[in-house]
């Protein structure tokens, strides 16, 4: 699979601001946080047995600016965190373990999440949905939990960072960890657990061990603990949104139909293309191809449509990325 064109050094920098850290009053100590470095998705393994898990790249004004994780819960509906939806205007979704299927979106919904800050709002449900312009088809789709999980229930965290290393191609699953109701910690709509997720894992599913039942989505972490936004509290709303946006469909088939909104991605982009093809083929890019070019510190390349990034805004320079074979924003380490 050809690597996504955008510089992940830029995305990772933005992600750390948007991943939803816990508020300053989190109950765990800094000592606990240090002790947990190197654990699960910290230490996880590839989530190849969860084909519904996806990479989500978020856009503003047509430009990828940050990243999250998520889950395909219906052919044209992706579940993620509310803060991976609120404030963004577009999303690219990649399912690496479902044949590399890709789709784009400009449609989304949150139940009530409207926090613009860098920390999780404990008084809102950090759950969001992205509606796809073209379906991602699976043999089966995961189930949304409709009942609360008792304290001590074991779940699997899924996200796209392992031991601090951001991935634009893979997702990782943790070892089983126990969750508890987070009400006493000040998060009445969440579960709480020992910190495993990292910035960029936001929105990834939390599955009951041994199942494909989603009980929560990764919300925020800090101080040795993590909070996970419960989906059972919004199960009815999620079902309504699925029904309005393409429906549950038949597993493994194209559900077709109008998803109820216009989530059809950027003009000229083919989100369903073979990931092995050059995403810069075609489109109105003024002669710029996928390899791209530098004009001073401004990077431009063709990926369905002309994309530009000012590398200087990230403290980086524009140059040729030998490792990937295209022009990119380069940091000191490159």
Protein backbone atom coordinates (compact mmCIF):
# COMPACT_ATOMS: atom_id res chain seq x y z
CA UNK A 1 0.00 0.00 0.00
CA UNK A 2 1.31 3.40 -0.91
CA UNK A 3 1.78 5.65 2.09
CA UNK A 4 -0.65 8.54 2.46
CA UNK A 5 0.92 11.61 0.94
CA UNK A 6 0.53 13.95 3.88
CA UNK A 7 3.42 14.42 6.30
CA UNK A 8 2.58 12.49 9.45
CA UNK A 9 5.00 14.59 11.43
CA UNK A 10 2.52 17.42 10.89
CA UNK A 11 -0.50 15.29 11.71
CA UNK A 12 1.04 13.92 14.88
CA UNK A 13 1.83 17.42 16.06
CA UNK A 14 -1.78 18.47 15.55
CA UNK A 15 -3.16 15.26 17.00
CA UNK A 16 -1.53 15.81 20.35
CA UNK A 17 -3.58 18.99 20.68
CA UNK A 18 -6.88 17.41 19.72
CA UNK A 19 -6.79 13.95 21.23
CA UNK A 20 -8.68 14.92 24.35
CA UNK A 21 -6.43 14.92 27.40
CA UNK A 22 -8.05 14.50 30.76
CA UNK A 23 -8.72 17.61 32.78
CA UNK A 24 -6.21 18.82 35.34
CA UNK A 25 -8.22 17.17 38.11
CA UNK A 26 -7.62 13.61 36.89
CA UNK A 27 -7.38 11.21 39.83
CA UNK A 28 -4.10 9.47 38.98
CA UNK A 29 -0.62 10.71 39.85
CA UNK A 30 2.35 11.53 37.61
CA UNK A 31 4.14 8.57 39.15
CA UNK A 32 1.43 6.25 37.83
CA UNK A 33 1.79 7.83 34.41
CA UNK A 34 5.54 7.21 34.34
CA UNK A 35 5.07 3.63 35.49
CA UNK A 36 2.73 2.92 32.57
CA UNK A 37 5.06 4.06 29.79
CA UNK A 38 5.72 1.13 27.44
CA UNK A 39 2.40 -0.64 28.15
CA UNK A 40 -0.21 -1.78 25.78
CA UNK A 41 -1.05 0.24 22.73
CA UNK A 42 1.94 1.07 24.31
CA UNK A 43 3.14 -2.47 23.54
CA UNK A 44 0.15 -3.60 21.48
CA UNK A 45 -0.04 -5.88 18.46
CA UNK A 46 -1.67 -5.29 15.08
CA UNK A 47 -5.47 -5.37 15.18
CA UNK A 48 -5.76 -7.56 12.08
CA UNK A 49 -8.68 -9.47 13.59
CA UNK A 50 -10.73 -6.26 13.75
CA UNK A 51 -11.36 -5.40 10.07
CA UNK A 52 -13.92 -2.83 11.17
CA UNK A 53 -11.20 -0.68 12.78
CA UNK A 54 -10.16 2.32 10.68
CA UNK A 55 -7.72 5.20 10.41
CA UNK A 56 -9.38 8.63 10.26
CA UNK A 57 -7.63 11.71 8.89
CA UNK A 58 -9.50 14.91 9.66
CA UNK A 59 -9.65 17.95 7.39
CA UNK A 60 -10.29 21.65 7.59
CA UNK A 61 -10.83 23.55 4.34
CA UNK A 62 -9.75 20.50 2.35
CA UNK A 63 -6.46 20.02 4.19
CA UNK A 64 -5.62 17.12 6.51
CA UNK A 65 -4.82 18.68 9.87
CA UNK A 66 -5.12 15.88 12.43
CA UNK A 67 -5.84 12.20 12.94
CA UNK A 68 -7.94 9.79 14.99
CA UNK A 69 -9.09 6.18 14.92
CA UNK A 70 -12.59 4.76 14.50
CA UNK A 71 -14.86 1.86 13.62
CA UNK A 72 -17.07 1.09 10.63
CA UNK A 73 -20.40 0.20 12.26
CA UNK A 74 -22.48 0.23 9.04
CA UNK A 75 -21.50 0.47 5.37
CA UNK A 76 -21.64 4.28 5.38
CA UNK A 77 -21.25 5.10 9.07
CA UNK A 78 -18.05 5.33 11.14
CA UNK A 79 -18.08 5.65 14.92
CA UNK A 80 -15.39 7.80 16.54
CA UNK A 81 -14.94 10.36 19.31
CA UNK A 82 -16.95 13.58 19.29
CA UNK A 83 -13.78 15.66 19.39
CA UNK A 84 -12.63 13.91 16.19
CA UNK A 85 -15.78 15.30 14.52
CA UNK A 86 -16.53 18.68 16.09
CA UNK A 87 -14.75 21.53 14.33
CA UNK A 88 -13.67 19.56 11.26
CA UNK A 89 -15.13 19.79 7.76
CA UNK A 90 -13.96 16.56 6.12
CA UNK A 91 -12.63 13.08 6.87
CA UNK A 92 -10.65 10.45 4.98
CA UNK A 93 -11.24 6.92 6.25
CA UNK A 94 -8.98 3.91 5.57
CA UNK A 95 -9.76 0.31 6.59
CA UNK A 96 -6.34 -1.41 6.42
CA UNK A 97 -7.67 -4.84 7.44
CA UNK A 98 -10.67 -4.77 5.12
CA UNK A 99 -8.73 -4.88 1.88
CA UNK A 100 -7.47 -1.33 2.26
CA UNK A 101 -10.88 0.12 1.40
CA UNK A 102 -11.01 3.91 1.55
CA UNK A 103 -13.80 6.46 1.63
CA UNK A 104 -14.15 10.19 2.08
CA UNK A 105 -16.75 12.23 3.92
CA UNK A 106 -17.97 15.73 4.48
CA UNK A 107 -20.95 14.70 6.65
CA UNK A 108 -20.97 14.00 10.37
CA UNK A 109 -22.98 14.21 13.58
CA UNK A 110 -22.41 14.52 17.31
CA UNK A 111 -25.01 14.05 20.01
CA UNK A 112 -24.04 17.04 22.12
CA UNK A 113 -20.25 17.38 21.93
CA UNK A 114 -19.22 20.99 21.28
CA UNK A 115 -16.00 21.43 23.27
CA UNK A 116 -13.40 23.59 21.51
CA UNK A 117 -10.70 23.21 24.16
CA UNK A 118 -7.92 20.65 24.38
CA UNK A 119 -9.43 18.62 27.22
CA UNK A 120 -12.39 16.27 27.33
CA UNK A 121 -15.58 17.96 28.53
CA UNK A 122 -16.96 15.67 31.26
CA UNK A 123 -20.46 17.12 30.86
CA UNK A 124 -20.83 16.03 27.22
CA UNK A 125 -20.85 12.69 25.39
CA UNK A 126 -17.56 12.43 23.47
CA UNK A 127 -19.10 10.33 20.70
CA UNK A 128 -19.31 11.23 17.02
CA UNK A 129 -20.30 9.70 13.69
CA UNK A 130 -18.84 10.22 10.21
CA UNK A 131 -21.04 9.48 7.18
CA UNK A 132 -19.24 8.04 4.15
CA UNK A 133 -19.82 9.03 0.55
CA UNK A 134 -19.12 5.45 -0.59
CA UNK A 135 -19.57 2.30 1.51
CA UNK A 136 -16.92 0.23 3.22
CA UNK A 137 -18.19 -3.33 2.99
CA UNK A 138 -17.42 -5.98 5.58
CA UNK A 139 -18.48 -9.58 6.07
CA UNK A 140 -20.08 -8.44 9.33
CA UNK A 141 -20.33 -5.23 11.33
CA UNK A 142 -19.72 -4.75 15.04
CA UNK A 143 -22.48 -4.40 17.63
CA UNK A 144 -23.13 -1.33 19.78
CA UNK A 145 -23.56 -2.19 23.46
CA UNK A 146 -26.99 -1.25 24.79
CA UNK A 147 -26.36 -2.00 28.46
CA UNK A 148 -23.69 -0.63 30.83
CA UNK A 149 -20.63 -2.77 31.54
CA UNK A 150 -20.21 -3.73 35.22
CA UNK A 151 -17.06 -2.61 37.02
CA UNK A 152 -14.23 -5.01 36.25
CA UNK A 153 -15.40 -5.77 32.70
CA UNK A 154 -12.40 -6.43 30.46
CA UNK A 155 -12.07 -4.62 27.15
CA UNK A 156 -9.56 -4.19 24.33
CA UNK A 157 -8.38 -0.68 23.33
CA UNK A 158 -7.72 -0.17 19.60
CA UNK A 159 -5.76 2.78 18.18
CA UNK A 160 -3.08 3.80 15.70
CA UNK A 161 -0.08 4.56 17.92
CA UNK A 162 2.21 1.91 19.39
CA UNK A 163 4.86 2.88 21.93
CA UNK A 164 4.67 6.50 20.81
CA UNK A 165 5.09 5.67 17.11
CA UNK A 166 2.28 7.06 14.94
CA UNK A 167 1.11 4.87 12.05
CA UNK A 168 -0.62 5.89 8.84
CA UNK A 169 -1.07 2.26 7.76
CA UNK A 170 -1.85 0.11 10.82
CA UNK A 171 -3.94 -0.09 13.98
CA UNK A 172 -3.01 -1.82 17.21
CA UNK A 173 -4.88 -3.57 19.99
CA UNK A 174 -4.01 -3.64 23.65
CA UNK A 175 -3.99 -6.49 26.11
CA UNK A 176 -7.23 -6.86 28.08
CA UNK A 177 -7.78 -4.12 30.66
CA UNK A 178 -10.55 -3.68 33.22
CA UNK A 179 -12.90 -0.68 33.13
CA UNK A 180 -14.95 0.97 35.83
CA UNK A 181 -17.73 3.54 35.90
CA UNK A 182 -16.05 6.96 35.81
CA UNK A 183 -18.82 8.88 37.58
CA UNK A 184 -16.90 9.16 40.84
CA UNK A 185 -13.94 10.57 38.88
CA UNK A 186 -16.16 13.31 37.47
CA UNK A 187 -16.93 11.70 34.09
CA UNK A 188 -20.55 10.46 34.32
CA UNK A 189 -20.74 9.47 30.63
CA UNK A 190 -17.51 7.44 30.60
CA UNK A 191 -15.61 4.42 31.81
CA UNK A 192 -12.18 4.79 33.40
CA UNK A 193 -9.17 2.47 33.17
CA UNK A 194 -5.39 2.37 33.48
CA UNK A 195 -3.84 4.54 30.77
CA UNK A 196 -3.11 2.68 27.56
CA UNK A 197 -4.20 5.01 24.76
CA UNK A 198 -1.97 7.75 23.34
CA UNK A 199 -2.63 10.94 21.31
CA UNK A 200 -4.07 9.78 17.98
CA UNK A 201 -5.84 6.77 19.48
CA UNK A 202 -8.89 8.95 20.17
CA UNK A 203 -12.08 7.53 18.68
CA UNK A 204 -10.77 3.97 18.46
CA UNK A 205 -13.18 1.27 19.67
CA UNK A 206 -13.17 -0.39 23.07
CA UNK A 207 -14.34 -3.96 22.48
CA UNK A 208 -15.55 -6.51 24.98
CA UNK A 209 -12.83 -9.17 25.15
CA UNK A 210 -13.41 -11.97 22.64
CA UNK A 211 -16.21 -10.13 20.82
CA UNK A 212 -16.93 -7.39 18.33
CA UNK A 213 -19.19 -5.55 20.76
CA UNK A 214 -18.23 -1.89 21.20
CA UNK A 215 -18.78 -0.59 24.74
CA UNK A 216 -17.02 2.77 24.35
CA UNK A 217 -14.66 4.85 22.23
CA UNK A 218 -11.26 6.16 23.30
CA UNK A 219 -11.77 9.68 24.63
CA UNK A 220 -8.84 11.05 26.67
CA UNK A 221 -5.92 10.12 28.88
CA UNK A 222 -3.45 11.56 31.33
CA UNK A 223 -1.91 11.04 34.74
CA UNK A 224 -1.95 7.24 34.39
CA UNK A 225 -5.68 6.88 33.63
CA UNK A 226 -7.85 6.99 30.52
CA UNK A 227 -11.50 7.84 30.00
CA UNK A 228 -13.62 6.00 27.44
CA UNK A 229 -16.87 7.50 26.15
CA UNK A 230 -19.73 5.03 26.65
CA UNK A 231 -21.85 4.14 23.62
CA UNK A 232 -24.67 2.35 25.46
CA UNK A 233 -25.93 5.75 26.64
CA UNK A 234 -26.41 6.79 22.99
CA UNK A 235 -27.34 3.42 21.44
CA UNK A 236 -30.78 4.64 20.34
CA UNK A 237 -29.38 7.81 18.78
CA UNK A 238 -26.67 5.83 16.96
CA UNK A 239 -29.28 3.45 15.51
CA UNK A 240 -31.35 6.38 14.27
CA UNK A 241 -28.32 7.92 12.59
CA UNK A 242 -27.40 4.62 10.91
CA UNK A 243 -30.96 4.24 9.60
CA UNK A 244 -30.90 7.79 8.21
CA UNK A 245 -27.47 7.44 6.63
CA UNK A 246 -27.53 4.39 4.40
CA UNK A 247 -28.85 1.84 6.88
CA UNK A 248 -27.23 -1.27 8.24
CA UNK A 249 -27.10 -2.87 4.78
CA UNK A 250 -26.34 -6.49 4.02
CA UNK A 251 -22.89 -7.57 5.21
CA UNK A 252 -20.41 -7.70 2.35
CA UNK A 253 -22.69 -5.86 -0.09
CA UNK A 254 -23.04 -2.32 -1.42
CA UNK A 255 -26.10 -0.85 0.32
CA UNK A 256 -26.44 1.90 -2.28
CA UNK A 257 -28.95 4.65 -1.81
CA UNK A 258 -28.71 8.20 -0.56
CA UNK A 259 -27.12 8.26 2.93
CA UNK A 260 -29.43 11.08 3.90
CA UNK A 261 -26.78 13.79 3.77
CA UNK A 262 -24.15 14.83 1.27
CA UNK A 263 -21.07 13.23 2.78
CA UNK A 264 -19.43 12.73 -0.59
CA UNK A 265 -15.88 13.90 0.02
CA UNK A 266 -13.87 16.36 -2.03
CA UNK A 267 -14.86 17.02 -5.66
CA UNK A 268 -12.84 14.93 -8.09
CA UNK A 269 -11.62 12.52 -5.44
CA UNK A 270 -12.25 8.81 -5.79
CA UNK A 271 -12.27 7.60 -2.18
CA UNK A 272 -12.86 4.02 -3.27
CA UNK A 273 -9.73 3.73 -5.35
CA UNK A 274 -7.27 0.89 -5.12
CA UNK A 275 -4.79 1.99 -2.44
CA UNK A 276 -2.01 0.69 -4.65
CA UNK A 277 -2.83 3.22 -7.33
CA UNK A 278 -1.39 6.71 -7.51
CA UNK A 279 -3.95 8.92 -5.73
CA UNK A 280 -2.63 11.84 -7.75
CA UNK A 281 -3.83 10.38 -11.03
CA UNK A 282 -6.46 12.61 -12.63
CA UNK A 283 -8.05 15.61 -10.96
CA UNK A 284 -7.43 19.30 -11.60
CA UNK A 285 -4.00 19.83 -10.05
CA UNK A 286 -2.51 22.37 -12.44
CA UNK A 287 0.15 19.95 -13.61
CA UNK A 288 1.30 19.01 -10.09
CA UNK A 289 1.50 15.23 -9.58
CA UNK A 290 1.50 12.98 -6.52
CA UNK A 291 5.27 13.35 -6.07
CA UNK A 292 4.59 17.04 -5.51
CA UNK A 293 6.81 20.08 -5.43
CA UNK A 294 8.19 22.75 -3.11
CA UNK A 295 7.80 26.47 -3.57
CA UNK A 296 9.90 27.80 -0.75
CA UNK A 297 8.41 26.27 2.40
CA UNK A 298 5.05 25.54 0.74
CA UNK A 299 4.48 21.89 -0.17
CA UNK A 300 1.93 21.02 -2.85
CA UNK A 301 0.89 17.69 -4.35
CA UNK A 302 -2.03 16.08 -6.19
CA UNK A 303 -4.27 13.69 -4.27
CA UNK A 304 -7.56 13.78 -6.14
CA UNK A 305 -7.33 17.57 -5.88
CA UNK A 306 -4.47 19.97 -5.35
CA UNK A 307 -3.28 19.85 -1.71
CA UNK A 308 -1.00 22.42 -0.06
CA UNK A 309 0.71 22.74 3.33
CA UNK A 310 2.95 25.52 4.61
CA UNK A 311 5.74 23.53 6.27
CA UNK A 312 7.10 26.65 7.96
CA UNK A 313 3.97 26.86 10.10
CA UNK A 314 5.05 23.56 11.66
CA UNK A 315 8.68 24.63 12.07
CA UNK A 316 9.69 22.33 9.21
CA UNK A 317 11.16 22.69 5.73
CA UNK A 318 9.91 21.48 2.36
CA UNK A 319 12.16 18.99 0.60
CA UNK A 320 12.37 15.59 -1.06
CA UNK A 321 11.57 12.68 1.25
CA UNK A 322 13.97 9.94 0.13
CA UNK A 323 12.32 7.29 2.31
CA UNK A 324 8.93 7.69 0.62
CA UNK A 325 9.93 9.00 -2.79
CA UNK A 326 7.99 12.26 -2.77
CA UNK A 327 8.27 15.85 -1.59
CA UNK A 328 7.25 16.34 2.03
CA UNK A 329 7.56 18.52 5.11
CA UNK A 330 10.81 17.47 6.76
CA UNK A 331 11.92 17.88 10.35
CA UNK A 332 15.42 17.93 11.77
CA UNK A 333 15.45 14.16 12.12
CA UNK A 334 15.17 13.86 8.32
